Amino acid sequence: MAWQPSHQDDTGDGEWHEYKIAGTIVDSAIAAAKKVKSVKAWDIADGLSGSNSYSPEPTNLQAFDKELAIANSAKAMYFISVHIGNSGESGVQGFHTPGDSSSKILAERLVIAIASKTGLPSKGVSESKLYSLEPDKNKAQYRVLLEIGGSEEDIQYLQDRKNQRKVAAALAGVIDGLAP
C-alpha cells in the first residue's frame, strides 16, 4: 500500500497548508490500517508546489517522480494520493485514470467511506489524466487520487486533528477491508 499525501502548499489563501493536512491524514491512516504494509510516498524537499493535471501540463515532476519511485520500489498494489481541495464546492471526490474500472471501484469505496464518516458530501468519482496515476509511471494495480474538502467550511473542518483522524479511519477501514 502506497500513500501519497500532497506535497503542495501553493493552494488556498495561505492560512492553511495542504501538505500538512494531507500528510497528517496519511500518517494517521498508516497507523490505523493494521492489515496492510504501508509506505508513505512523499517528497517535500523539492518544493511545496506542483500540479498533477495536464491543464496545461504537470509541474514539479521531480517531486512526483521521487514519490512514484518510492511507491514502485515498495511494489505497492494500491496507490492512494490524498489532496485537500479548494474548489469552493464542499465534498469529497475521487479520480482514476480513464478506462481503469478497477481503480474506479476503489475510488467509489473511498469516497463513500469518507463521506459517511465525516458528513462531507460525495462529489462522486471522475476519470482524469493525472501524472501520478499514469500506469507507465505508477506500477500499482489500483491508482486513485482523492480531493477532500473544497469550501472554506471544509478547510476549517479539516484543520481539526479529530476530523483528520475521521478521514484517516475511513481510508484505513476500506484498505483493511481489502487485505487478504
Protein backbone atom coordinates (compact mmCIF):
# COMPACT_ATOMS: atom_id res chain seq x y z
CA MET A 1 0.00 0.00 0.00
CA ALA A 2 1.46 3.36 -1.04
CA TRP A 3 0.06 6.60 0.30
CA GLN A 4 0.97 9.83 -1.49
CA PRO A 5 -0.04 12.90 0.51
CA SER A 6 0.02 16.14 -1.40
CA HIS A 7 3.37 17.91 -1.42
CA GLN A 8 1.67 21.21 -2.29
CA ASP A 9 1.44 24.42 -0.33
CA ASP A 10 0.55 26.66 -3.26
CA THR A 11 -3.20 26.19 -2.82
CA GLY A 12 -5.72 28.11 -0.78
CA ASP A 13 -5.29 31.53 0.73
CA GLY A 14 -2.11 30.92 2.72
CA GLU A 15 -3.89 30.46 6.04
CA TRP A 16 -3.88 26.67 5.75
CA HIS A 17 -1.31 24.22 4.45
CA GLU A 18 -2.42 21.40 2.15
CA TYR A 19 0.73 19.33 2.56
CA LYS A 20 0.44 19.44 6.36
CA ILE A 21 -3.22 18.40 6.44
CA ALA A 22 -2.75 15.68 3.80
CA GLY A 23 0.43 14.47 5.50
CA THR A 24 -1.28 14.15 8.87
CA ILE A 25 -4.25 12.31 7.34
CA VAL A 26 -1.89 9.84 5.66
CA ASP A 27 0.20 9.34 8.82
CA SER A 28 -3.00 8.60 10.74
CA ALA A 29 -4.27 6.24 8.01
CA ILE A 30 -0.97 4.33 8.04
CA ALA A 31 -1.22 3.98 11.83
CA ALA A 32 -4.87 2.87 11.64
CA ALA A 33 -4.52 0.37 8.76
CA LYS A 34 -3.39 -2.69 10.69
CA LYS A 35 -3.79 -5.36 7.98
CA VAL A 36 -1.56 -3.89 5.27
CA LYS A 37 2.06 -2.89 4.95
CA SER A 38 2.16 0.79 4.04
CA VAL A 39 4.71 3.20 2.65
CA LYS A 40 4.44 6.99 2.59
CA ALA A 41 5.48 8.21 -0.87
CA TRP A 42 6.13 11.86 -0.15
CA ASP A 43 8.70 14.44 -1.22
CA ILE A 44 8.59 17.92 0.25
CA ALA A 45 12.30 18.59 -0.26
CA ASP A 46 11.81 19.55 -3.92
CA GLY A 47 9.42 22.41 -3.32
CA LEU A 48 5.90 22.74 -1.99
CA SER A 49 4.26 23.26 -5.35
CA GLY A 50 3.21 21.30 -8.37
CA SER A 51 0.26 20.10 -10.35
CA ASN A 52 -0.70 16.55 -11.20
CA SER A 53 -3.02 17.58 -14.02
CA TYR A 54 -2.49 18.11 -17.70
CA SER A 55 -4.15 21.50 -17.80
CA PRO A 56 -1.93 22.58 -19.38
CA GLU A 57 0.95 20.34 -18.11
CA PRO A 58 2.01 18.78 -14.79
CA THR A 59 4.62 20.74 -12.84
CA ASN A 60 7.26 19.85 -10.22
CA LEU A 61 7.80 16.48 -11.85
CA GLN A 62 10.95 15.96 -9.76
CA ALA A 63 8.82 15.62 -6.61
CA PHE A 64 6.21 13.42 -8.32
CA ASP A 65 8.91 11.18 -9.79
CA LYS A 66 10.55 10.71 -6.36
CA GLU A 67 7.16 9.84 -4.84
CA LEU A 68 6.41 7.36 -7.61
CA ALA A 69 9.86 5.79 -7.22
CA ILE A 70 9.11 5.19 -3.53
CA ALA A 71 5.75 3.58 -4.35
CA ASN A 72 7.16 1.50 -7.20
CA SER A 73 10.12 0.25 -5.17
CA ALA A 74 7.68 -0.91 -2.48
CA LYS A 75 5.80 -2.88 -5.17
CA ALA A 76 2.56 -1.43 -3.85
CA MET A 77 -0.63 -2.97 -5.16
CA TYR A 78 -2.65 0.08 -4.08
CA PHE A 79 -1.72 3.75 -4.51
CA ILE A 80 -3.84 6.43 -2.87
CA SER A 81 -3.00 10.09 -3.34
CA VAL A 82 -4.58 12.42 -0.76
CA HIS A 83 -5.17 16.07 -1.60
CA ILE A 84 -7.14 18.84 0.03
CA GLY A 85 -9.45 20.58 -2.43
CA ASN A 86 -10.02 24.30 -2.67
CA SER A 87 -12.54 24.47 -5.48
CA GLY A 88 -15.13 26.25 -3.36
CA GLU A 89 -17.53 23.30 -3.64
CA SER A 90 -17.89 21.22 -0.49
CA GLY A 91 -17.28 17.49 -0.58
CA VAL A 92 -15.08 14.54 -1.42
CA GLN A 93 -14.18 13.49 -4.95
CA GLY A 94 -12.19 10.57 -6.31
CA PHE A 95 -10.22 10.39 -9.55
CA HIS A 96 -8.88 7.50 -11.58
CA THR A 97 -7.23 7.09 -14.98
CA PRO A 98 -9.67 6.91 -17.92
CA GLY A 99 -10.78 3.35 -18.58
CA ASP A 100 -9.43 1.96 -15.29
CA SER A 101 -12.56 0.27 -13.94
CA SER A 102 -10.78 -1.44 -11.01
CA SER A 103 -9.43 1.85 -9.70
CA LYS A 104 -12.85 3.42 -10.24
CA ILE A 105 -14.39 0.89 -7.85
CA LEU A 106 -11.72 1.61 -5.23
CA ALA A 107 -12.25 5.38 -5.64
CA GLU A 108 -16.01 4.93 -5.18
CA ARG A 109 -15.48 2.93 -1.97
CA LEU A 110 -13.09 5.51 -0.57
CA VAL A 111 -15.34 8.48 -1.39
CA ILE A 112 -18.39 6.77 0.15
CA ALA A 113 -16.42 5.85 3.29
CA ILE A 114 -15.06 9.37 3.79
CA ALA A 115 -18.44 10.98 3.13
CA SER A 116 -20.15 8.58 5.56
CA LYS A 117 -17.55 9.04 8.31
CA THR A 118 -17.23 12.84 8.03
CA GLY A 119 -20.56 14.11 6.73
CA LEU A 120 -18.80 15.81 3.80
CA PRO A 121 -20.92 15.38 0.68
CA SER A 122 -19.83 12.96 -2.03
CA LYS A 123 -18.95 14.64 -5.32
CA GLY A 124 -18.55 11.21 -6.88
CA VAL A 125 -15.78 9.79 -9.00
CA SER A 126 -14.35 11.08 -12.28
CA GLU A 127 -11.89 10.00 -14.90
CA SER A 128 -8.88 12.27 -15.26
CA LYS A 129 -5.45 12.03 -16.78
CA LEU A 130 -3.16 12.72 -13.81
CA TYR A 131 0.61 12.36 -13.82
CA SER A 132 0.95 10.27 -10.67
CA LEU A 133 -1.79 7.84 -11.76
CA GLU A 134 -0.42 7.05 -15.21
CA PRO A 135 0.22 3.28 -15.46
CA ASP A 136 3.51 3.73 -17.33
CA LYS A 137 4.84 5.75 -14.36
CA ASN A 138 2.91 4.20 -11.46
CA LYS A 139 3.10 0.39 -11.32
CA ALA A 140 0.40 -0.14 -8.67
CA GLN A 141 -2.58 -2.15 -9.85
CA TYR A 142 -5.06 0.29 -8.27
CA ARG A 143 -4.37 4.04 -8.50
CA VAL A 144 -6.65 6.71 -7.01
CA LEU A 145 -6.39 10.42 -6.22
CA LEU A 146 -8.75 11.92 -3.65
CA GLU A 147 -9.69 15.58 -3.30
CA ILE A 148 -11.08 16.03 0.19
CA GLY A 149 -12.86 19.26 1.00
CA GLY A 150 -13.39 22.27 -1.18
CA SER A 151 -15.22 25.02 0.65
CA GLU A 152 -13.89 27.32 3.35
CA GLU A 153 -16.00 25.39 5.86
CA ASP A 154 -14.44 22.11 4.69
CA ILE A 155 -10.95 23.54 5.13
CA GLN A 156 -11.77 24.68 8.66
CA TYR A 157 -13.20 21.22 9.36
CA LEU A 158 -10.07 19.50 8.02
CA GLN A 159 -7.71 21.67 10.08
CA ASP A 160 -9.03 19.94 13.22
CA ARG A 161 -6.91 16.85 14.06
CA LYS A 162 -10.01 14.98 15.27
CA ASN A 163 -11.57 15.38 11.83
CA GLN A 164 -8.32 14.44 10.09
CA ARG A 165 -8.43 11.19 12.11
CA LYS A 166 -12.02 10.60 10.90
CA VAL A 167 -10.84 10.80 7.29
CA ALA A 168 -7.89 8.53 8.10
CA ALA A 169 -10.15 5.99 9.81
CA ALA A 170 -12.40 5.89 6.76
CA LEU A 171 -9.39 5.32 4.47
CA ALA A 172 -7.91 2.65 6.73
CA GLY A 173 -11.26 0.87 7.02
CA VAL A 174 -11.53 0.47 3.26
CA ILE A 175 -7.91 -0.60 2.88
CA ASP A 176 -8.04 -3.09 5.75
CA GLY A 177 -11.20 -4.50 4.18
CA LEU A 178 -9.23 -5.28 1.02
CA ALA A 179 -6.48 -7.17 2.84
CA PRO A 180 -6.43 -10.96 2.43
